[in-house]
Protein backbone atom coordinates (compact mmCIF):
# COMPACT_ATOMS: atom_id res chain seq x y z
CA MET A 1 18.85 -24.31 -20.16
CA ALA A 2 17.19 -21.76 -17.86
CA ARG A 3 18.70 -18.33 -17.90
CA LYS A 4 20.39 -17.42 -14.61
CA LYS A 5 18.77 -14.44 -12.93
CA LYS A 6 20.94 -11.42 -12.23
CA GLY A 7 21.30 -10.24 -8.67
CA ILE A 8 20.98 -11.71 -5.21
CA PRO A 9 17.95 -13.81 -4.16
CA ILE A 10 16.62 -11.70 -1.27
CA HIS A 11 13.06 -12.24 -0.05
CA GLY A 12 11.07 -10.03 2.29
CA TRP A 13 9.76 -6.54 2.93
CA ILE A 14 11.38 -3.17 3.62
CA ASN A 15 9.39 -0.53 5.49
CA LEU A 16 10.73 2.49 3.61
CA SER A 17 10.24 6.14 4.51
CA LYS A 18 10.15 7.96 1.17
CA PRO A 19 11.15 11.64 1.11
CA VAL A 20 9.43 14.41 -0.83
CA GLY A 21 10.70 14.86 -4.40
CA VAL A 22 11.37 11.20 -5.16
CA THR A 23 9.06 9.04 -7.26
CA SER A 24 8.11 5.54 -6.12
CA THR A 25 9.95 4.14 -9.15
CA GLN A 26 13.12 6.05 -8.24
CA ALA A 27 12.92 4.72 -4.69
CA VAL A 28 12.62 1.14 -5.99
CA GLY A 29 15.61 1.72 -8.29
CA LYS A 30 17.78 2.98 -5.43
CA ILE A 31 16.94 -0.04 -3.26
CA ARG A 32 17.64 -2.36 -6.17
CA ARG A 33 21.09 -0.80 -6.61
CA ALA A 34 21.79 -0.87 -2.87
CA THR A 35 20.74 -4.47 -2.17
CA LYS A 36 21.44 -6.02 -5.61
CA ALA A 37 18.19 -7.95 -5.15
CA GLN A 38 16.96 -9.97 -8.15
CA LYS A 39 13.46 -8.57 -7.93
CA VAL A 40 12.10 -5.40 -6.28
CA GLY A 41 8.65 -3.80 -6.33
CA HIS A 42 6.53 -1.47 -4.22
CA GLY A 43 3.20 -1.91 -2.49
CA GLY A 44 1.35 1.22 -3.56
CA THR A 45 2.48 4.36 -5.38
CA LEU A 46 3.23 7.50 -3.38
CA ASP A 47 3.22 10.83 -5.25
CA PRO A 48 6.59 12.65 -5.60
CA LEU A 49 5.22 15.53 -3.48
CA ALA A 50 4.22 13.08 -0.75
CA SER A 51 6.42 11.54 1.91
CA GLY A 52 6.09 8.60 4.25
CA ILE A 53 5.60 4.85 4.13
CA LEU A 54 6.34 3.08 0.84
CA PRO A 55 6.36 -0.70 1.41
CA ILE A 56 9.07 -2.33 -0.72
CA ALA A 57 8.84 -6.02 -1.70
CA LEU A 58 11.94 -8.04 -2.52
CA GLY A 59 12.01 -11.39 -4.30
CA GLU A 60 9.14 -13.73 -3.48
CA ALA A 61 7.52 -11.05 -1.31
CA THR A 62 6.34 -9.45 -4.57
CA LYS A 63 3.76 -12.26 -4.68
CA THR A 64 2.04 -10.71 -1.65
CA VAL A 65 1.88 -7.10 -2.91
CA ASN A 66 -1.90 -7.28 -3.28
CA PHE A 67 -2.28 -7.81 0.47
CA ILE A 68 -0.43 -4.60 1.38
CA GLN A 69 -2.29 -2.70 -1.34
CA ASP A 70 -5.57 -3.77 0.29
CA ALA A 71 -4.39 -2.74 3.77
CA THR A 72 -5.79 0.25 5.65
CA LYS A 73 -3.67 3.39 5.26
CA GLU A 74 -3.28 6.48 7.42
CA TYR A 75 -2.30 9.92 6.15
CA GLU A 76 -1.49 13.28 7.66
CA PHE A 77 -2.20 16.05 5.17
CA GLU A 78 -2.34 19.81 4.89
CA VAL A 79 -4.98 21.65 2.90
CA THR A 80 -4.50 25.17 1.61
CA TRP A 81 -7.84 26.91 1.13
CA GLY A 82 -8.83 29.45 -1.52
CA GLU A 83 -7.77 27.70 -4.72
CA GLN A 84 -8.59 24.63 -6.76
CA ARG A 85 -5.74 23.41 -8.95
CA THR A 86 -5.48 21.15 -11.98
CA THR A 87 -3.47 18.54 -10.08
CA ASP A 88 -5.31 19.02 -6.77
CA ASP A 89 -1.92 19.74 -5.19
CA SER A 90 0.58 22.61 -5.12
CA GLU A 91 2.13 21.76 -8.51
CA GLY A 92 -0.95 22.47 -10.62
CA ASP A 93 -2.33 25.57 -12.30
CA VAL A 94 -5.11 27.49 -10.58
CA LEU A 95 -8.59 26.62 -11.89
CA HIS A 96 -10.76 28.48 -9.38
CA SER A 97 -10.07 30.85 -6.51
CA SER A 98 -11.86 32.35 -3.53
CA ASP A 99 -10.98 34.82 -0.78
CA LYS A 100 -12.89 32.74 1.73
CA THR A 101 -11.12 30.82 4.52
CA PRO A 102 -13.36 28.38 6.37
CA SER A 103 -13.53 28.35 10.16
CA LYS A 104 -12.66 25.21 12.09
CA GLU A 105 -16.33 24.90 13.05
CA ALA A 106 -17.42 25.06 9.39
CA ILE A 107 -14.95 22.33 8.45
CA GLU A 108 -15.94 20.10 11.36
CA ALA A 109 -19.60 20.46 10.32
CA ILE A 110 -18.97 18.70 6.98
CA LEU A 111 -16.49 15.99 8.06
CA ASP A 112 -19.16 13.34 8.63
CA GLU A 113 -20.11 13.61 4.95
CA PHE A 114 -16.64 12.37 4.05
CA VAL A 115 -16.51 9.41 6.44
CA GLY A 116 -17.75 5.92 5.62
CA GLU A 117 -18.34 4.59 2.13
CA ILE A 118 -18.35 7.64 -0.13
CA GLU A 119 -18.36 8.32 -3.86
CA GLN A 120 -15.12 9.85 -5.12
CA THR A 121 -13.79 10.87 -8.54
CA PRO A 122 -10.00 10.46 -8.83
CA PRO A 123 -7.95 13.53 -9.85
CA GLN A 124 -7.34 14.31 -13.51
CA PHE A 125 -3.64 13.82 -12.80
CA SER A 126 -3.79 10.22 -11.59
CA ALA A 127 -2.65 6.79 -12.74
CA ILE A 128 -6.20 5.68 -13.58
CA LYS A 129 -6.32 4.08 -17.04
CA ILE A 130 -8.78 5.42 -19.62
CA ASP A 131 -8.92 3.15 -22.71
CA GLY A 132 -5.41 1.96 -21.93
CA GLU A 133 -3.95 5.44 -21.38
CA ARG A 134 -3.02 6.94 -18.02
CA ALA A 135 -5.20 9.86 -16.96
CA TYR A 136 -2.15 12.00 -16.19
CA ASP A 137 -0.88 11.55 -19.76
CA ILE A 138 -4.26 12.70 -21.11
CA ALA A 139 -4.22 15.68 -18.75
CA ARG A 140 -0.66 16.62 -19.71
CA ASP A 141 -1.75 16.72 -23.35
CA GLY A 142 -4.32 19.33 -22.36
CA ASP A 143 -7.33 17.04 -22.69
CA HIS A 144 -9.96 16.15 -20.10
CA ALA A 145 -9.92 12.52 -18.97
CA ASP A 146 -13.38 10.97 -18.56
CA ILE A 147 -12.77 9.45 -15.14
CA LYS A 148 -15.65 7.56 -13.58
CA SER A 149 -16.40 8.05 -9.89
CA ARG A 150 -16.09 5.07 -7.58
CA MET A 151 -16.85 4.08 -4.02
CA VAL A 152 -14.05 4.32 -1.45
CA THR A 153 -14.00 3.89 2.31
CA ILE A 154 -12.80 6.50 4.77
CA HIS A 155 -12.70 5.14 8.31
CA SER A 156 -11.92 8.40 10.12
CA LEU A 157 -11.16 12.05 9.34
CA GLU A 158 -10.10 14.58 11.97
CA ILE A 159 -8.60 18.06 12.19
CA ILE A 160 -5.35 18.16 14.17
CA ASP A 161 -4.44 21.81 13.51
CA HIS A 162 -6.17 24.81 11.97
CA GLU A 163 -4.85 28.23 11.05
CA GLU A 164 -4.69 29.61 7.49
CA LYS A 165 -4.11 26.04 6.41
CA THR A 166 -5.71 23.02 8.00
CA ILE A 167 -3.95 19.78 8.93
CA PHE A 168 -5.97 16.57 8.97
CA ILE A 169 -5.36 12.95 9.83
CA THR A 170 -7.32 10.21 8.09
CA SER A 171 -7.58 6.44 7.96
CA CYS A 172 -8.86 5.03 4.69
CA GLY A 173 -9.19 2.01 2.47
CA LYS A 174 -7.78 1.00 -0.89
CA GLY A 175 -8.14 3.40 -3.82
CA THR A 176 -8.79 6.56 -1.80
CA TYR A 177 -7.22 9.72 -3.25
CA ILE A 178 -6.36 12.25 -0.55
CA ARG A 179 -5.97 14.96 -3.22
CA ALA A 180 -9.56 14.31 -4.29
CA LEU A 181 -10.68 14.44 -0.66
CA ALA A 182 -9.15 17.91 -0.23
CA ARG A 183 -10.67 19.08 -3.51
CA ASP A 184 -14.13 17.84 -2.58
CA MET A 185 -14.03 19.36 0.91
CA GLY A 186 -13.04 22.70 -0.61
CA GLN A 187 -15.93 22.54 -3.04
CA LYS A 188 -18.37 21.60 -0.28
CA LEU A 189 -17.18 24.55 1.81
CA GLY A 190 -17.46 26.90 -1.17
CA CYS A 191 -13.87 28.10 -0.81
CA PHE A 192 -11.87 25.52 -2.84
CA GLY A 193 -8.78 23.75 -1.56
CA TYR A 194 -5.77 21.65 -2.52
CA ILE A 195 -3.17 19.45 -0.86
CA SER A 196 -0.06 21.40 0.11
CA ALA A 197 1.60 18.61 2.14
CA LEU A 198 0.93 14.88 2.38
CA LYS A 199 2.53 12.19 4.54
CA ARG A 200 1.56 8.53 4.65
CA ILE A 201 2.13 7.53 8.26
CA LYS A 202 0.87 3.94 8.24
CA VAL A 203 0.18 1.08 5.82
CA GLY A 204 -1.22 -2.02 7.49
CA ASP A 205 1.27 -2.83 10.27
CA PHE A 206 4.00 -0.66 8.73
CA SER A 207 4.45 2.69 10.51
CA LEU A 208 6.90 5.59 10.46
CA GLU A 209 8.22 4.72 13.92
CA ASN A 210 10.26 1.81 12.55
CA ALA A 211 10.69 2.88 8.92
CA ILE A 212 14.08 3.12 7.22
CA SER A 213 15.06 6.27 5.34
CA LEU A 214 16.08 6.28 1.70
CA ASP A 215 19.35 7.95 2.78
CA PHE A 216 20.33 4.69 4.45
CA PHE A 217 20.21 2.89 1.09
CA GLN A 218 22.13 5.70 -0.56
CA GLU A 219 24.85 5.06 2.03
CA MET A 220 24.85 1.39 1.03
CA ILE A 221 25.43 2.46 -2.58
CA ASP A 222 28.18 4.91 -1.61
CA ASN A 223 29.93 2.44 0.72
CA PRO A 224 29.57 -1.02 -0.85
CA SER A 225 32.37 -2.45 1.30
CA GLN A 226 30.19 -1.99 4.40
CA LYS A 227 27.06 -3.52 2.87
CA GLU A 228 27.48 -6.95 4.51
CA ASN A 229 27.50 -5.33 7.95
CA MET A 230 24.40 -3.23 7.34
CA ASP A 231 21.05 -4.32 8.73
CA TYR A 232 18.40 -2.72 6.54
CA GLY A 233 15.54 -4.17 8.50
CA LEU A 234 14.40 -6.86 6.08
CA LEU A 235 11.04 -8.15 7.29
CA PRO A 236 9.71 -11.66 6.51
CA ILE A 237 7.19 -12.24 3.73
CA GLN A 238 4.45 -12.82 6.31
CA ALA A 239 4.94 -9.28 7.70
CA VAL A 240 2.08 -8.12 5.44
CA LEU A 241 -0.11 -11.14 6.16
CA GLY A 242 -1.03 -10.46 9.78
CA ASP A 243 -4.78 -10.70 9.08
CA ILE A 244 -4.44 -14.00 7.19
CA PRO A 245 -4.86 -17.33 9.04
CA ALA A 246 -1.58 -19.28 9.21
CA LEU A 247 -1.34 -23.07 9.12
CA ALA A 248 1.85 -24.77 10.27
CA VAL A 249 2.56 -27.81 8.12
CA LYS A 250 4.67 -30.93 8.63
CA GLU A 251 7.68 -31.88 6.53
CA GLU A 252 5.84 -34.35 4.27
CA GLU A 253 3.05 -31.79 3.79
CA MET A 254 5.63 -29.13 2.99
CA VAL A 255 7.06 -31.27 0.20
CA ARG A 256 3.65 -31.76 -1.41
CA ILE A 257 2.76 -28.06 -1.21
CA LYS A 258 6.21 -27.10 -2.53
CA ASN A 259 5.48 -29.22 -5.60
CA GLY A 260 2.07 -27.61 -6.05
CA ASN A 261 0.13 -30.66 -4.92
CA PRO A 262 -3.03 -30.42 -2.77
CA LEU A 263 -3.47 -31.89 0.69
CA THR A 264 -6.61 -33.51 2.05
CA PHE A 265 -7.28 -33.42 5.78
CA LEU A 266 -9.68 -36.15 6.89
CA SER A 267 -8.73 -37.10 10.45
CA LYS A 268 -10.16 -35.35 13.47
CA ASP A 269 -6.66 -34.27 14.54
CA ASP A 270 -5.86 -32.68 11.17
CA LEU A 271 -9.21 -30.91 10.94
CA GLY A 272 -8.54 -29.69 14.47
CA ARG A 273 -5.30 -28.12 13.22
CA LEU A 274 -7.37 -26.04 10.80
CA GLU A 275 -9.60 -24.86 13.64
CA VAL A 276 -6.58 -23.95 15.78
CA ALA A 277 -5.36 -21.85 12.84
CA ASN A 278 -8.76 -20.06 12.77
CA ILE A 279 -9.64 -21.61 9.42
CA ASP A 280 -13.34 -22.38 9.13
CA TRP A 281 -13.14 -25.54 7.03
CA LYS A 282 -16.93 -26.01 7.33
CA SER A 283 -17.68 -22.75 5.54
CA ASP A 284 -19.46 -22.72 2.18
CA GLU A 285 -16.66 -20.52 0.85
CA SER A 286 -12.94 -21.21 0.58
CA THR A 287 -10.56 -19.51 3.01
CA THR A 288 -7.29 -17.89 1.94
CA ALA A 289 -4.50 -18.80 4.36
CA LEU A 290 -0.73 -18.92 4.69
CA ALA A 291 1.13 -22.21 4.96
CA LEU A 292 4.16 -22.01 7.24
CA TYR A 293 7.01 -24.48 7.59
CA ASN A 294 9.39 -23.93 10.50
CA ASP A 295 7.87 -20.43 10.87
CA HIS A 296 8.84 -19.51 7.30
CA ALA A 297 6.31 -18.59 4.61
CA LEU A 298 5.79 -21.57 2.31
CA ALA A 299 2.74 -20.74 0.18
CA MET A 300 -0.60 -19.01 -0.02
CA ILE A 301 -3.28 -21.68 0.11
CA ASP A 302 -7.03 -22.00 -0.39
CA VAL A 303 -8.85 -24.18 2.14
CA TYR A 304 -12.27 -25.61 1.38
CA GLY A 305 -13.60 -28.39 3.53
CA GLY A 306 -10.59 -30.53 4.33
CA LYS A 307 -8.88 -29.83 1.01
CA ILE A 308 -5.86 -27.54 0.90
CA GLN A 309 -4.85 -26.21 -2.51
CA PRO A 310 -1.57 -24.31 -3.03
CA VAL A 311 -2.29 -21.06 -4.87
CA ARG A 312 1.02 -19.23 -4.76
CA VAL A 313 4.17 -21.09 -3.71
CA PHE A 314 7.15 -19.09 -2.47
CA ASN A 315 10.30 -20.36 -4.16
CA ILE A 316 12.72 -19.87 -1.32
């Protein structure tokens, strides 16, 4: 007999605004306690010293975490010049120092070198795995982690304020370390630099304007009798799938997909449905799409020719 899962079956996304001083794991734990959801995860770690958007997946939404991790992210960050630190942020020990403070013009002159596809080495204190061990664990033991550089994409990088410290805004792709960006700019300018404040202001379609604070979930924990009347802004599973083609399916098709069985579209009308959904069924490569039934997420599907194969079915 299958073991009954603990908790409430809740499925969807929470656009959480994480405060400074809280780890991503702690934030997940607080939401789990507040909602009593059976399954909770997050869509991309945010450092304890960072604030801002931390997408939280509940239930079957955890099956779409990879889509939010791949989404474009926007950050606002402050760089303090004159020091390079072990952690590339304000918590680390000083490695190098300089009495030089770069002018706004000097900074602007190098920005283009950090836009586009660039080579970046993640910080020593990062979650990168080296032979199965996290780099930050190696660094905490006093050893140097042999971290390989990798290519990342920075879409834009601008200065929005400049005094002793400089505030930037950037839009970037998956795997970009903002701490490494500050470190590398400081080295390029010959003055060193580290992150002294970091805020993630957007992840995909999630933005701070409609994010929910962690304090709200603390209130749910403190006042459990009011929980049923609280709207914590649960978003549907497809909230992170805005760039994915969506195919509306009929009831008999829904049953087959729900059971993991493929569909084959042969008629002109059915193939036309694929075209309406912006699915190029004539392509030499398969297309990842979302199957919807009555506007609810049913499954992730692969479409090749007229064949539709369920890849990840949402058990809702």
